[in-house]
Structure formats: structure tokens, C-alpha cells
N, C-alpha and C. Protein backbone atom coordinates (compact mmCIF):
# COMPACT_ATOMS: atom_id res chain seq x y z
N UNK A 1 7.82 19.72 10.08
CA UNK A 1 8.66 18.76 9.94
C UNK A 1 7.84 17.65 9.03
N UNK A 2 8.38 17.06 8.01
CA UNK A 2 7.80 16.08 7.30
C UNK A 2 7.79 14.76 8.09
N UNK A 3 6.63 13.78 7.92
CA UNK A 3 6.57 12.75 8.41
C UNK A 3 7.06 11.46 7.53
N UNK A 4 7.93 10.73 8.03
CA UNK A 4 8.27 9.60 6.97
C UNK A 4 7.23 8.58 7.25
N UNK A 5 6.63 8.42 6.11
CA UNK A 5 5.51 7.45 6.20
C UNK A 5 5.79 5.94 6.00
N UNK A 6 7.09 5.73 5.73
CA UNK A 6 7.69 4.32 5.38
C UNK A 6 7.79 3.93 6.86
N UNK A 7 8.09 4.54 7.90
CA UNK A 7 8.37 4.14 9.22
C UNK A 7 7.39 4.59 10.23
N UNK A 8 6.30 5.12 9.85
CA UNK A 8 5.46 5.92 10.80
C UNK A 8 5.08 4.67 11.73
N UNK A 9 4.93 4.97 13.16
CA UNK A 9 4.28 4.02 14.15
C UNK A 9 2.77 4.15 13.98
N UNK A 10 2.31 3.08 14.21
CA UNK A 10 0.71 3.21 14.18
C UNK A 10 0.30 2.62 15.41
N UNK A 11 -1.00 3.08 15.81
CA UNK A 11 -1.85 2.66 17.02
C UNK A 11 -2.43 1.47 16.50
N UNK A 12 -2.18 0.38 16.99
CA UNK A 12 -2.92 -0.89 16.71
C UNK A 12 -4.17 -1.06 16.72
N UNK A 13 -4.81 -0.11 17.73
CA UNK A 13 -6.29 -0.01 17.72
C UNK A 13 -7.08 0.73 16.74
N UNK A 14 -6.27 1.32 15.94
CA UNK A 14 -6.91 2.27 14.80
C UNK A 14 -6.65 1.60 13.40
N UNK A 15 -7.75 1.78 12.67
CA UNK A 15 -7.66 1.26 11.30
C UNK A 15 -7.26 2.52 10.48
N UNK A 16 -6.92 2.32 9.17
CA UNK A 16 -6.35 3.30 8.39
C UNK A 16 -7.36 3.64 7.35
N UNK A 17 -7.43 5.04 7.05
CA UNK A 17 -8.29 5.63 5.83
C UNK A 17 -7.62 5.14 4.65
N UNK A 18 -8.70 5.43 3.61
CA UNK A 18 -8.29 5.29 2.12
C UNK A 18 -7.03 6.15 1.90
N UNK A 19 -7.21 7.40 2.24
CA UNK A 19 -5.94 8.29 1.89
C UNK A 19 -4.83 7.97 2.62
N UNK A 20 -4.88 7.63 3.88
CA UNK A 20 -3.52 7.06 4.50
C UNK A 20 -2.84 5.99 3.80
N UNK A 21 -3.69 5.12 3.56
CA UNK A 21 -2.97 3.86 2.66
C UNK A 21 -2.50 4.25 1.43
N UNK A 22 -3.35 5.01 0.55
CA UNK A 22 -2.77 5.50 -0.73
C UNK A 22 -1.46 6.25 -0.58
N UNK A 23 -1.44 7.12 0.50
CA UNK A 23 -0.20 7.88 0.73
C UNK A 23 0.93 6.98 0.98
N UNK A 24 0.60 6.01 1.93
CA UNK A 24 1.72 5.25 2.23
C UNK A 24 2.25 4.27 1.16
N UNK A 25 1.27 3.82 0.31
CA UNK A 25 1.70 3.10 -0.79
C UNK A 25 2.50 3.76 -1.76
N UNK A 26 2.18 5.17 -1.91
CA UNK A 26 2.81 6.04 -2.91
C UNK A 26 4.31 6.25 -2.45
N UNK A 27 4.51 6.44 -1.17
CA UNK A 27 5.94 6.74 -0.77
C UNK A 27 6.60 5.43 -0.54
N UNK A 28 6.00 4.24 -0.64
CA UNK A 28 6.88 2.92 -0.55
C UNK A 28 7.14 2.71 -1.92
N UNK A 29 6.30 2.91 -2.90
CA UNK A 29 6.71 2.56 -4.24
C UNK A 29 7.59 3.62 -4.78
N UNK A 30 7.54 4.96 -4.65
CA UNK A 30 8.59 5.87 -4.92
C UNK A 30 9.85 5.54 -4.27
N UNK A 31 9.93 5.19 -3.08
CA UNK A 31 11.34 5.05 -2.35
C UNK A 31 11.91 3.59 -3.17
N UNK A 32 10.95 2.62 -3.38
CA UNK A 32 11.71 1.49 -4.00
C UNK A 32 12.06 1.82 -5.55
N UNK A 33 11.48 2.81 -6.24
CA UNK A 33 11.82 3.09 -7.50
C UNK A 33 12.69 4.19 -7.69
N UNK A 34 12.93 4.83 -6.47
CA UNK A 34 13.90 5.95 -6.51
C UNK A 34 13.42 6.97 -7.46
N UNK A 35 12.21 7.24 -7.15
CA UNK A 35 11.58 8.52 -7.90
C UNK A 35 10.86 9.25 -6.90
N UNK A 36 10.31 10.49 -7.27
CA UNK A 36 9.66 11.36 -6.44
C UNK A 36 8.09 10.87 -6.39
N UNK A 37 7.54 10.91 -5.03
CA UNK A 37 6.22 10.48 -4.94
C UNK A 37 5.21 11.04 -5.86
N UNK A 38 5.36 12.37 -6.30
CA UNK A 38 4.47 12.90 -7.23
C UNK A 38 4.38 12.54 -8.49
N UNK A 39 5.49 11.60 -8.84
CA UNK A 39 5.59 10.95 -10.10
C UNK A 39 4.65 9.63 -10.13
N UNK A 40 4.01 9.16 -9.03
CA UNK A 40 3.17 7.90 -9.04
C UNK A 40 1.81 8.24 -9.20
N UNK A 41 1.40 7.52 -10.21
CA UNK A 41 -0.28 7.70 -10.40
C UNK A 41 -0.99 6.44 -9.75
N UNK A 42 -1.77 6.88 -8.95
CA UNK A 42 -2.32 5.79 -8.19
C UNK A 42 -3.30 4.73 -8.97
N UNK A 43 -3.66 5.19 -10.24
CA UNK A 43 -4.50 4.30 -11.07
C UNK A 43 -3.57 3.61 -12.10
N UNK A 44 -2.38 3.92 -12.12
CA UNK A 44 -1.42 2.96 -12.93
C UNK A 44 -1.17 1.78 -12.42
N UNK A 45 -1.33 0.55 -13.20
CA UNK A 45 -0.75 -0.72 -12.70
C UNK A 45 0.53 -0.81 -12.12
N UNK A 46 0.67 -1.56 -11.18
CA UNK A 46 1.99 -1.82 -10.57
C UNK A 46 3.06 -2.38 -11.60
N UNK A 47 2.50 -3.12 -12.50
CA UNK A 47 3.34 -3.68 -13.62
C UNK A 47 3.92 -2.51 -14.44
N UNK A 48 3.30 -1.38 -14.59
CA UNK A 48 3.72 -0.17 -15.51
C UNK A 48 5.00 0.33 -14.81
N UNK A 49 5.08 -0.07 -13.55
CA UNK A 49 6.29 0.60 -12.82
C UNK A 49 7.47 -0.62 -12.79
N UNK A 50 7.38 -1.56 -13.46
CA UNK A 50 8.18 -2.57 -13.35
C UNK A 50 8.44 -3.27 -12.14
N UNK A 51 7.28 -3.30 -11.36
CA UNK A 51 7.03 -4.00 -10.03
C UNK A 51 6.71 -5.49 -10.53
N UNK A 52 7.76 -6.31 -10.31
CA UNK A 52 7.49 -7.85 -10.57
C UNK A 52 6.82 -8.49 -9.35
N UNK A 53 6.40 -9.62 -9.44
CA UNK A 53 5.68 -10.26 -8.60
C UNK A 53 6.34 -10.35 -7.13
N UNK A 54 7.69 -10.66 -7.25
CA UNK A 54 8.37 -10.82 -5.99
C UNK A 54 8.42 -9.29 -5.18
N UNK A 55 8.49 -8.29 -6.10
CA UNK A 55 8.54 -7.08 -5.50
C UNK A 55 7.06 -6.58 -4.95
N UNK A 56 6.11 -7.05 -5.70
CA UNK A 56 4.75 -6.76 -5.28
C UNK A 56 4.44 -7.54 -3.92
N UNK A 57 4.99 -8.70 -3.69
CA UNK A 57 4.74 -9.40 -2.43
C UNK A 57 5.49 -8.78 -1.28
N UNK A 58 6.74 -8.30 -1.49
CA UNK A 58 7.43 -7.65 -0.57
C UNK A 58 6.63 -6.29 -0.09
N UNK A 59 6.20 -5.69 -1.11
CA UNK A 59 5.23 -4.47 -0.77
C UNK A 59 4.10 -4.86 -0.05
N UNK A 60 3.41 -5.98 -0.20
CA UNK A 60 2.22 -6.41 0.52
C UNK A 60 2.85 -6.73 2.00
N UNK A 61 3.86 -7.51 2.13
CA UNK A 61 4.40 -7.77 3.50
C UNK A 61 4.54 -6.44 4.25
N UNK A 62 5.06 -5.56 3.70
CA UNK A 62 5.31 -4.21 4.42
C UNK A 62 4.01 -3.63 4.75
N UNK A 63 3.00 -3.66 3.97
CA UNK A 63 1.84 -3.12 4.19
C UNK A 63 1.17 -3.91 5.32
N UNK A 64 1.31 -5.30 5.36
CA UNK A 64 0.67 -6.04 6.46
C UNK A 64 1.35 -5.66 7.70
N UNK A 65 2.68 -5.43 7.67
CA UNK A 65 3.34 -4.95 8.89
C UNK A 65 2.84 -3.59 9.35
N UNK A 66 2.68 -2.75 8.34
CA UNK A 66 2.17 -1.34 8.80
C UNK A 66 0.74 -1.28 9.32
N UNK A 67 -0.10 -2.25 8.76
CA UNK A 67 -1.50 -2.18 9.05
C UNK A 67 -1.76 -3.15 10.27
N UNK A 68 -0.56 -4.06 10.31
CA UNK A 68 -0.66 -4.95 11.53
C UNK A 68 -1.90 -5.83 11.26
N UNK A 69 -1.93 -6.45 10.06
CA UNK A 69 -2.93 -7.43 9.70
C UNK A 69 -2.17 -8.34 8.50
N UNK A 70 -2.84 -9.51 8.67
CA UNK A 70 -2.38 -10.47 7.36
C UNK A 70 -3.52 -10.70 6.38
N UNK A 71 -2.80 -10.68 5.21
CA UNK A 71 -3.88 -10.75 4.10
C UNK A 71 -3.25 -11.91 3.09
N UNK A 72 -4.23 -12.31 2.15
CA UNK A 72 -4.00 -13.23 1.19
C UNK A 72 -3.24 -12.66 0.29
N UNK A 73 -1.97 -13.32 -0.18
CA UNK A 73 -1.10 -12.68 -1.17
C UNK A 73 -1.80 -12.37 -2.60
N UNK A 74 -2.62 -13.11 -2.86
CA UNK A 74 -3.23 -12.86 -4.24
C UNK A 74 -4.05 -11.55 -4.27
N UNK A 75 -4.18 -10.95 -2.99
CA UNK A 75 -4.85 -9.70 -3.24
C UNK A 75 -4.08 -8.56 -3.85
N UNK A 76 -2.75 -8.64 -3.98
CA UNK A 76 -2.00 -7.58 -4.55
C UNK A 76 -2.11 -7.80 -6.11
N UNK A 77 -2.56 -9.04 -6.64
CA UNK A 77 -2.54 -9.31 -7.89
C UNK A 77 -4.07 -9.10 -8.39
N UNK A 78 -4.95 -9.08 -7.48
CA UNK A 78 -6.52 -8.95 -8.03
C UNK A 78 -6.70 -7.52 -7.89
N UNK A 79 -5.83 -6.66 -7.03
CA UNK A 79 -6.06 -5.22 -7.00
C UNK A 79 -4.73 -4.44 -7.52
N UNK A 80 -4.43 -4.42 -8.82
CA UNK A 80 -3.22 -4.06 -9.25
C UNK A 80 -2.83 -2.73 -9.22
N UNK A 81 -3.53 -1.86 -8.71
CA UNK A 81 -3.17 -0.56 -8.52
C UNK A 81 -3.10 0.10 -7.25
N UNK A 82 -2.39 1.25 -7.00
CA UNK A 82 -2.57 1.94 -5.73
C UNK A 82 -3.99 2.00 -5.23
N UNK A 83 -4.85 2.64 -6.18
CA UNK A 83 -6.17 3.03 -5.89
C UNK A 83 -7.04 1.77 -5.43
N UNK A 84 -6.83 0.72 -6.21
CA UNK A 84 -7.75 -0.63 -6.03
C UNK A 84 -7.19 -1.03 -4.74
N UNK A 85 -5.90 -1.32 -4.42
CA UNK A 85 -5.49 -2.07 -3.24
C UNK A 85 -5.82 -1.04 -2.03
N UNK A 86 -5.53 0.10 -1.98
CA UNK A 86 -6.00 0.99 -0.77
C UNK A 86 -7.54 1.07 -0.62
N UNK A 87 -8.18 1.01 -1.65
CA UNK A 87 -9.73 0.89 -1.26
C UNK A 87 -10.07 -0.39 -0.56
N UNK A 88 -9.48 -1.57 -1.12
CA UNK A 88 -9.73 -2.83 -0.62
C UNK A 88 -9.26 -2.84 0.86
N UNK A 89 -8.13 -2.33 1.21
CA UNK A 89 -7.78 -2.27 2.69
C UNK A 89 -8.13 -1.06 3.49
N UNK A 90 -8.86 -0.32 3.16
CA UNK A 90 -9.44 0.94 3.95
C UNK A 90 -10.45 0.48 4.95
N UNK A 91 -10.79 1.13 5.77
CA UNK A 91 -11.69 1.06 7.06
C UNK A 91 -12.95 0.62 6.49
N UNK A 92 -13.36 1.15 5.38
CA UNK A 92 -14.97 0.71 4.94
C UNK A 92 -15.03 -0.52 4.44
N UNK A 93 -13.74 -1.13 4.03
CA UNK A 93 -13.80 -2.64 3.56
C UNK A 93 -13.15 -3.62 4.25
N UNK A 94 -12.59 -3.08 5.37
CA UNK A 94 -11.68 -4.06 6.40
C UNK A 94 -12.46 -5.27 6.63
N UNK A 95 -13.80 -5.28 7.12
CA UNK A 95 -14.60 -6.40 7.57
C UNK A 95 -14.73 -7.58 6.48
N UNK A 96 -14.67 -6.89 5.09
CA UNK A 96 -14.97 -7.87 3.96
C UNK A 96 -13.72 -8.65 3.66
N UNK A 97 -12.49 -8.15 3.98
CA UNK A 97 -11.19 -8.84 3.81
C UNK A 97 -10.90 -10.09 4.72
N UNK A 98 -11.34 -9.78 6.08
CA UNK A 98 -11.01 -10.80 7.15
C UNK A 98 -11.92 -11.97 7.05
């Protein structure tokens, strides 16, 4: 049975890997755009998917809830692709953000 990544419960004591964050972002963006997840290129800028700044901030807010962390909203504009944003929020970079 497939897991619905948009509503997956998380263990608050566990950080997320790069791959988990990328996958979550892919599914969120695909759901918002009403396209298949395999149509999302993680290196394509959010702008190319017609994701405006308000939608980008909503995506960041959902990501914050999923990761149970608060981030500076400017990060979504400084890291404008799924690959860059996921890298920034992954376990290996978590300490640098906070």
C-alpha cells in the first residue's frame, strides 16, 4: 500500500533525510499543480511551475508543520528548487539553519 506523503505522521524526535524531504516536496508540488509526481524536476525553479510567492510561502508553511520546525520565509526564495530547499533542510544542514 502506498504511503500518502502529504499527510504522513512524523516522529518529532527524528530529523528528515534529503531524500525524504525531496519526495515530500515533489508530492506536495504535484498535488498543488494537479500533475503526476514524476513530472516534477527537482532542479527546476519553482517559478517554472507557476508557483507564485504566496503559494511558495504556503508550501513552506506546510513543510514547517511536517518537519515541526520554524524557518525564515526568505529561505524559499533563496533556495528556489526542490533540490536546493531539501538540501538546506536535510539532517546534514539542520544545525546551520537554526
